Amino acid sequence: MMYAKVLRFIIKIIGSLLFAALVFLPVSGMAKQNGAEEAVKRFNSALLENMKRADELGFHGRYKLLDPMLRDVFALHFMGEKSLGSHWKDLSPEQRKRYLDLYADWTISSYAGNFDGYSGERFEIEDIEQSKGDFVIVISNLVIPNKESVAFHYSLRRFQDGWRIVDITIEDVSQLSLTRSQFISVFKKKGFDGLLAALQDKIAVIQARGIDEKK
């Protein structure tokens, strides 16, 4: 069941907060591997704890557990900005804050709502692919008993405050690319307020489903 939920999670995403400049820094190959791998391991550990304690925590407990970790290891500002494409530059500072707050809430809610059970799964780091510049892909397998493993391809970049995940690809589906395509489509049809309303609706549905899960 978890295998199906993982695949549904990436498909259901209309994608996945500091306003300081995002600066990429040069770094050695070994430090690049160690730093990026450690970021992924920290996230995997939090996600696995969330799954193991799903029933005990409930939706709001899972959200509270994942909130600080996702904000720490994901480049939510970067991902949110890229998801709007050229429309980002047209937003006022106040609009950007409103949008990024909702983007973070939606991302955290999505993980809390979809990784809501445990059946003996574990994460294993498979490989680290070196890329040009300050960019690395860490491949981590979600090993599911008696099922085919699911490979998470984490794309990471190094910012001033350390390594952060900027995209996750599962089954050849990029979260960031999917988000960008659908966010821009909604923005073009319904404008900024329409996009925020769509995100609020998505969050409400996830939260309602999570709260009702044990009723």
C-alpha atoms as a PDB file:
ATOM      1  CA  MET A   1       0.000   0.000   0.000  1.00  0.00           C
ATOM      2  CA  MET A   2       2.833   2.384   0.818  1.00  0.00           C
ATOM      3  CA  TYR A   3       4.275   1.839  -2.679  1.00  0.00           C
ATOM      4  CA  ALA A   4       1.027   3.030  -4.241  1.00  0.00           C
ATOM      5  CA  LYS A   5       0.841   5.982  -1.851  1.00  0.00           C
ATOM      6  CA  VAL A   6       4.371   7.078  -2.734  1.00  0.00           C
ATOM      7  CA  LEU A   7       3.544   7.100  -6.432  1.00  0.00           C
ATOM      8  CA  ARG A   8       0.234   8.872  -5.842  1.00  0.00           C
ATOM      9  CA  PHE A   9       2.055  11.461  -3.750  1.00  0.00           C
ATOM     10  CA  ILE A  10       4.358  12.642  -6.527  1.00  0.00           C
ATOM     11  CA  ILE A  11       1.534  12.638  -9.074  1.00  0.00           C
ATOM     12  CA  LYS A  12      -0.822  14.565  -6.786  1.00  0.00           C
ATOM     13  CA  ILE A  13       1.678  17.353  -6.223  1.00  0.00           C
ATOM     14  CA  ILE A  14       0.789  20.535  -8.088  1.00  0.00           C
ATOM     15  CA  GLY A  15       4.504  20.511  -7.772  1.00  0.00           C
ATOM     16  CA  SER A  16       6.324  20.386  -3.555  1.00  0.00           C
ATOM     17  CA  LEU A  17      11.821  31.257   4.028  1.00  0.00           C
ATOM     18  CA  LEU A  18      14.217  33.565   3.910  1.00  0.00           C
ATOM     19  CA  PHE A  19      14.337  36.361   1.344  1.00  0.00           C
ATOM     20  CA  ALA A  20      18.106  36.754   1.373  1.00  0.00           C
ATOM     21  CA  ALA A  21      19.990  36.338  -1.884  1.00  0.00           C
ATOM     22  CA  LEU A  22      20.666  32.717  -2.836  1.00  0.00           C
ATOM     23  CA  VAL A  23      24.401  32.370  -3.458  1.00  0.00           C
ATOM     24  CA  PHE A  24      26.085  29.165  -4.571  1.00  0.00           C
ATOM     25  CA  LEU A  25      29.555  28.549  -3.165  1.00  0.00           C
ATOM     26  CA  PRO A  26      32.410  26.453  -4.578  1.00  0.00           C
ATOM     27  CA  VAL A  27      33.093  23.289  -2.622  1.00  0.00           C
ATOM     28  CA  SER A  28      35.403  20.288  -2.906  1.00  0.00           C
ATOM     29  CA  GLY A  29      34.155  16.953  -4.283  1.00  0.00           C
ATOM     30  CA  MET A  30      34.406  15.079  -0.964  1.00  0.00           C
ATOM     31  CA  ALA A  31      32.777  17.862   1.039  1.00  0.00           C
ATOM     32  CA  LYS A  32      30.116  18.059  -1.644  1.00  0.00           C
ATOM     33  CA  GLN A  33      29.293  14.361  -1.266  1.00  0.00           C
ATOM     34  CA  ASN A  34      29.356  14.349   2.527  1.00  0.00           C
ATOM     35  CA  GLY A  35      27.285  17.494   2.956  1.00  0.00           C
ATOM     36  CA  ALA A  36      24.645  16.562   0.401  1.00  0.00           C
ATOM     37  CA  GLU A  37      24.376  12.975   1.622  1.00  0.00           C
ATOM     38  CA  GLU A  38      24.020  14.117   5.232  1.00  0.00           C
ATOM     39  CA  ALA A  39      21.146  16.442   4.283  1.00  0.00           C
ATOM     40  CA  VAL A  40      19.306  13.588   2.574  1.00  0.00           C
ATOM     41  CA  LYS A  41      19.929  11.226   5.494  1.00  0.00           C
ATOM     42  CA  ARG A  42      18.506  13.761   7.930  1.00  0.00           C
ATOM     43  CA  PHE A  43      15.386  14.182   5.844  1.00  0.00           C
ATOM     44  CA  ASN A  44      14.968  10.430   5.332  1.00  0.00           C
ATOM     45  CA  SER A  45      15.316   9.864   9.078  1.00  0.00           C
ATOM     46  CA  ALA A  46      12.614  12.425   9.873  1.00  0.00           C
ATOM     47  CA  LEU A  47      10.329  11.006   7.187  1.00  0.00           C
ATOM     48  CA  LEU A  48      10.804   7.475   8.495  1.00  0.00           C
ATOM     49  CA  GLU A  49      10.052   8.558  12.066  1.00  0.00           C
ATOM     50  CA  ASN A  50       6.949  10.293  10.749  1.00  0.00           C
ATOM     51  CA  MET A  51       5.817   7.047   9.088  1.00  0.00           C
ATOM     52  CA  LYS A  52       6.558   4.884  12.157  1.00  0.00           C
ATOM     53  CA  ARG A  53       4.678   7.207  14.506  1.00  0.00           C
ATOM     54  CA  ALA A  54       1.902   8.085  12.077  1.00  0.00           C
ATOM     55  CA  ASP A  55      -0.980   6.732  14.149  1.00  0.00           C
ATOM     56  CA  GLU A  56       0.389   8.088  17.410  1.00  0.00           C
ATOM     57  CA  LEU A  57       0.978  11.571  16.042  1.00  0.00           C
ATOM     58  CA  GLY A  58      -2.019  12.039  13.790  1.00  0.00           C
ATOM     59  CA  PHE A  59      -1.934  14.589  10.989  1.00  0.00           C
ATOM     60  CA  HIS A  60      -1.131  17.647  13.100  1.00  0.00           C
ATOM     61  CA  GLY A  61       1.587  15.788  15.004  1.00  0.00           C
ATOM     62  CA  ARG A  62       3.171  14.628  11.756  1.00  0.00           C
ATOM     63  CA  TYR A  63       3.022  18.184  10.425  1.00  0.00           C
ATOM     64  CA  LYS A  64       4.716  19.505  13.574  1.00  0.00           C
ATOM     65  CA  LEU A  65       7.438  16.850  13.347  1.00  0.00           C
ATOM     66  CA  LEU A  66       8.202  17.497   9.664  1.00  0.00           C
ATOM     67  CA  ASP A  67       7.849  21.285   9.674  1.00  0.00           C
ATOM     68  CA  PRO A  68      11.318  22.227  11.033  1.00  0.00           C
ATOM     69  CA  MET A  69      13.088  19.506   9.054  1.00  0.00           C
ATOM     70  CA  LEU A  70      11.564  20.458   5.696  1.00  0.00           C
ATOM     71  CA  ARG A  71      12.313  24.122   6.292  1.00  0.00           C
ATOM     72  CA  ASP A  72      15.890  23.179   7.161  1.00  0.00           C
ATOM     73  CA  VAL A  73      16.738  20.782   4.326  1.00  0.00           C
ATOM     74  CA  PHE A  74      14.505  22.015   1.498  1.00  0.00           C
ATOM     75  CA  ALA A  75      15.217  25.250  -0.399  1.00  0.00           C
ATOM     76  CA  LEU A  76      11.561  26.275  -0.145  1.00  0.00           C
ATOM     77  CA  HIS A  77      12.190  29.868  -1.235  1.00  0.00           C
ATOM     78  CA  PHE A  78      14.167  28.708  -4.269  1.00  0.00           C
ATOM     79  CA  MET A  79      11.609  26.029  -5.180  1.00  0.00           C
ATOM     80  CA  GLY A  80       8.674  28.379  -4.740  1.00  0.00           C
ATOM     81  CA  GLU A  81      10.304  31.057  -6.870  1.00  0.00           C
ATOM     82  CA  LYS A  82      11.222  28.639  -9.667  1.00  0.00           C
ATOM     83  CA  SER A  83       7.685  27.219  -9.612  1.00  0.00           C
ATOM     84  CA  LEU A  84       6.318  30.595 -10.747  1.00  0.00           C
ATOM     85  CA  GLY A  85       8.797  31.084 -13.573  1.00  0.00           C
ATOM     86  CA  SER A  86       8.873  34.630 -14.975  1.00  0.00           C
ATOM     87  CA  HIS A  87       5.749  35.568 -13.009  1.00  0.00           C
ATOM     88  CA  TRP A  88       7.822  35.747  -9.807  1.00  0.00           C
ATOM     89  CA  LYS A  89       9.403  39.048 -10.811  1.00  0.00           C
ATOM     90  CA  ASP A  90       5.965  40.668 -11.134  1.00  0.00           C
ATOM     91  CA  LEU A  91       5.015  39.999  -7.518  1.00  0.00           C
ATOM     92  CA  SER A  92       5.336  42.584  -4.777  1.00  0.00           C
ATOM     93  CA  PRO A  93       7.286  41.728  -1.597  1.00  0.00           C
ATOM     94  CA  GLU A  94       3.979  41.258   0.237  1.00  0.00           C
ATOM     95  CA  GLN A  95       2.651  38.924  -2.459  1.00  0.00           C
ATOM     96  CA  ARG A  96       5.862  36.911  -2.425  1.00  0.00           C
ATOM     97  CA  LYS A  97       5.602  36.411   1.318  1.00  0.00           C
ATOM     98  CA  ARG A  98       1.959  35.330   1.116  1.00  0.00           C
ATOM     99  CA  TYR A  99       2.746  32.911  -1.702  1.00  0.00           C
ATOM    100  CA  LEU A 100       5.860  31.415  -0.043  1.00  0.00           C
ATOM    101  CA  ASP A 101       4.036  30.956   3.259  1.00  0.00           C
ATOM    102  CA  LEU A 102       1.333  28.967   1.453  1.00  0.00           C
ATOM    103  CA  TYR A 103       3.894  27.078  -0.627  1.00  0.00           C
ATOM    104  CA  ALA A 104       5.675  25.936   2.541  1.00  0.00           C
ATOM    105  CA  ASP A 105       2.386  25.025   4.245  1.00  0.00           C
ATOM    106  CA  TRP A 106       1.266  23.016   1.208  1.00  0.00           C
ATOM    107  CA  THR A 107       4.604  21.189   0.914  1.00  0.00           C
ATOM    108  CA  ILE A 108       4.670  20.192   4.588  1.00  0.00           C
ATOM    109  CA  SER A 109       0.989  19.225   4.552  1.00  0.00           C
ATOM    110  CA  SER A 110       1.587  17.022   1.499  1.00  0.00           C
ATOM    111  CA  TYR A 111       4.315  15.008   3.237  1.00  0.00           C
ATOM    112  CA  ALA A 112       2.395  14.814   6.529  1.00  0.00           C
ATOM    113  CA  GLY A 113      -0.759  13.704   4.743  1.00  0.00           C
ATOM    114  CA  ASN A 114       0.722  11.149   2.362  1.00  0.00           C
ATOM    115  CA  PHE A 115       3.447   9.468   4.424  1.00  0.00           C
ATOM    116  CA  ASP A 116       0.969   8.330   7.041  1.00  0.00           C
ATOM    117  CA  GLY A 117       1.797   4.702   7.771  1.00  0.00           C
ATOM    118  CA  TYR A 118       4.609   2.226   8.298  1.00  0.00           C
ATOM    119  CA  SER A 119       4.995  -1.356   7.059  1.00  0.00           C
ATOM    120  CA  GLY A 120       8.676  -2.058   7.647  1.00  0.00           C
ATOM    121  CA  GLU A 121      10.052   0.399   5.085  1.00  0.00           C
ATOM    122  CA  ARG A 122      13.597   1.758   5.275  1.00  0.00           C
ATOM    123  CA  PHE A 123      15.757   4.175   3.300  1.00  0.00           C
ATOM    124  CA  GLU A 124      19.117   3.270   1.777  1.00  0.00           C
ATOM    125  CA  ILE A 125      21.531   5.619   0.012  1.00  0.00           C
ATOM    126  CA  GLU A 126      22.372   4.014  -3.328  1.00  0.00           C
ATOM    127  CA  ASP A 127      24.621   6.484  -5.098  1.00  0.00           C
ATOM    128  CA  ILE A 128      25.805  10.082  -5.373  1.00  0.00           C
ATOM    129  CA  GLU A 129      26.082  11.490  -8.879  1.00  0.00           C
ATOM    130  CA  GLN A 130      28.554  14.316  -9.359  1.00  0.00           C
ATOM    131  CA  SER A 131      27.412  17.096 -11.641  1.00  0.00           C
ATOM    132  CA  LYS A 132      29.040  20.225 -12.979  1.00  0.00           C
ATOM    133  CA  GLY A 133      29.167  23.148 -10.611  1.00  0.00           C
ATOM    134  CA  ASP A 134      27.737  23.191  -7.129  1.00  0.00           C
ATOM    135  CA  PHE A 135      25.097  20.576  -7.758  1.00  0.00           C
ATOM    136  CA  VAL A 136      24.695  16.935  -6.690  1.00  0.00           C
ATOM    137  CA  ILE A 137      22.109  14.180  -7.099  1.00  0.00           C
ATOM    138  CA  VAL A 138      21.752  11.737  -4.222  1.00  0.00           C
ATOM    139  CA  ILE A 139      19.844   8.550  -5.023  1.00  0.00           C
ATOM    140  CA  SER A 140      18.033   7.089  -2.020  1.00  0.00           C
ATOM    141  CA  ASN A 141      15.886   3.975  -2.215  1.00  0.00           C
ATOM    142  CA  LEU A 142      12.734   3.516  -0.179  1.00  0.00           C
ATOM    143  CA  VAL A 143      12.927  -0.229   0.454  1.00  0.00           C
ATOM    144  CA  ILE A 144       9.465  -1.733   0.901  1.00  0.00           C
ATOM    145  CA  PRO A 145       9.120  -5.334   2.142  1.00  0.00           C
ATOM    146  CA  ASN A 146       7.909  -7.664  -0.610  1.00  0.00           C
ATOM    147  CA  LYS A 147       7.600  -4.755  -3.033  1.00  0.00           C
ATOM    148  CA  GLU A 148       9.817  -3.099  -5.600  1.00  0.00           C
ATOM    149  CA  SER A 149      11.948  -0.351  -4.082  1.00  0.00           C
ATOM    150  CA  VAL A 150      11.163   3.262  -4.973  1.00  0.00           C
ATOM    151  CA  ALA A 151      14.156   5.400  -5.984  1.00  0.00           C
ATOM    152  CA  PHE A 152      14.150   9.005  -4.774  1.00  0.00           C
ATOM    153  CA  HIS A 153      16.521  11.147  -6.857  1.00  0.00           C
ATOM    154  CA  TYR A 154      17.281  14.140  -4.634  1.00  0.00           C
ATOM    155  CA  SER A 155      18.764  17.157  -6.416  1.00  0.00           C
ATOM    156  CA  LEU A 156      20.732  19.379  -4.042  1.00  0.00           C
ATOM    157  CA  ARG A 157      22.515  22.699  -4.319  1.00  0.00           C
ATOM    158  CA  ARG A 158      24.763  24.426  -1.817  1.00  0.00           C
ATOM    159  CA  PHE A 159      23.554  27.787  -0.566  1.00  0.00           C
ATOM    160  CA  GLN A 160      25.230  30.142   1.892  1.00  0.00           C
ATOM    161  CA  ASP A 161      23.661  28.254   4.806  1.00  0.00           C
ATOM    162  CA  GLY A 162      24.462  24.749   3.544  1.00  0.00           C
ATOM    163  CA  TRP A 163      23.126  22.000   1.318  1.00  0.00           C
ATOM    164  CA  ARG A 164      19.421  22.040   0.491  1.00  0.00           C
ATOM    165  CA  ILE A 165      17.136  19.844  -1.578  1.00  0.00           C
ATOM    166  CA  VAL A 166      15.761  21.701  -4.607  1.00  0.00           C
ATOM    167  CA  ASP A 167      13.944  18.861  -6.361  1.00  0.00           C
ATOM    168  CA  ILE A 168      12.931  15.215  -5.986  1.00  0.00           C
ATOM    169  CA  THR A 169      12.387  12.948  -8.966  1.00  0.00           C
ATOM    170  CA  ILE A 170      10.392   9.715  -8.571  1.00  0.00           C
ATOM    171  CA  GLU A 171       9.519   7.425 -11.475  1.00  0.00           C
ATOM    172  CA  ASP A 172      11.037  10.024 -13.847  1.00  0.00           C
ATOM    173  CA  VAL A 173       8.609  12.656 -12.542  1.00  0.00           C
ATOM    174  CA  SER A 174      10.300  15.833 -11.263  1.00  0.00           C
ATOM    175  CA  GLN A 175       8.410  17.521  -8.435  1.00  0.00           C
ATOM    176  CA  LEU A 176       9.766  20.945  -9.378  1.00  0.00           C
ATOM    177  CA  SER A 177       8.962  20.584 -13.090  1.00  0.00           C
ATOM    178  CA  LEU A 178       5.456  19.340 -12.356  1.00  0.00           C
ATOM    179  CA  THR A 179       4.857  22.136  -9.879  1.00  0.00           C
ATOM    180  CA  ARG A 180       6.135  24.772 -12.276  1.00  0.00           C
ATOM    181  CA  SER A 181       3.950  23.540 -15.131  1.00  0.00           C
ATOM    182  CA  GLN A 182       0.763  23.471 -13.098  1.00  0.00           C
ATOM    183  CA  PHE A 183       1.377  26.615 -11.041  1.00  0.00           C
ATOM    184  CA  ILE A 184       2.061  28.666 -14.169  1.00  0.00           C
ATOM    185  CA  SER A 185      -1.034  27.227 -15.841  1.00  0.00           C
ATOM    186  CA  VAL A 186      -3.228  28.253 -12.890  1.00  0.00           C
ATOM    187  CA  PHE A 187      -1.528  31.657 -12.658  1.00  0.00           C
ATOM    188  CA  LYS A 188      -2.190  32.397 -16.335  1.00  0.00           C
ATOM    189  CA  LYS A 189      -5.849  31.388 -16.072  1.00  0.00           C
ATOM    190  CA  LYS A 190      -6.755  32.764 -12.642  1.00  0.00           C
ATOM    191  CA  GLY A 191      -4.004  35.161 -11.660  1.00  0.00           C
ATOM    192  CA  PHE A 192      -2.165  35.465  -8.367  1.00  0.00           C
ATOM    193  CA  ASP A 193      -5.252  35.347  -6.162  1.00  0.00           C
ATOM    194  CA  GLY A 194      -6.536  32.305  -8.058  1.00  0.00           C
ATOM    195  CA  LEU A 195      -3.279  30.447  -7.478  1.00  0.00           C
ATOM    196  CA  LEU A 196      -3.357  31.207  -3.761  1.00  0.00           C
ATOM    197  CA  ALA A 197      -6.980  30.081  -3.568  1.00  0.00           C
ATOM    198  CA  ALA A 198      -6.066  26.815  -5.336  1.00  0.00           C
ATOM    199  CA  LEU A 199      -3.224  26.209  -2.863  1.00  0.00           C
ATOM    200  CA  GLN A 200      -5.491  26.947   0.084  1.00  0.00           C
ATOM    201  CA  ASP A 201      -8.051  24.476  -1.273  1.00  0.00           C
ATOM    202  CA  LYS A 202      -5.363  21.803  -1.688  1.00  0.00           C
ATOM    203  CA  ILE A 203      -4.138  22.339   1.865  1.00  0.00           C
ATOM    204  CA  ALA A 204      -7.679  22.171   3.249  1.00  0.00           C
ATOM    205  CA  VAL A 205      -8.359  18.875   1.455  1.00  0.00           C
ATOM    206  CA  ILE A 206      -5.098  17.318   2.719  1.00  0.00           C
ATOM    207  CA  GLN A 207      -5.712  18.458   6.282  1.00  0.00           C
ATOM    208  CA  ALA A 208      -9.343  17.325   6.297  1.00  0.00           C
ATOM    209  CA  ARG A 209      -8.353  13.897   4.987  1.00  0.00           C
ATOM    210  CA  GLY A 210      -5.605  13.623   7.571  1.00  0.00           C
ATOM    211  CA  ILE A 211      -7.852  14.633  10.452  1.00  0.00           C
ATOM    212  CA  ASP A 212     -10.571  12.220   9.356  1.00  0.00           C
ATOM    213  CA  GLU A 213      -8.195   9.299   8.767  1.00  0.00           C
ATOM    214  CA  LYS A 214      -8.863   7.594  12.112  1.00  0.00           C
ATOM    215  CA  LYS A 215     -12.517   8.491  12.530  1.00  0.00           C
END
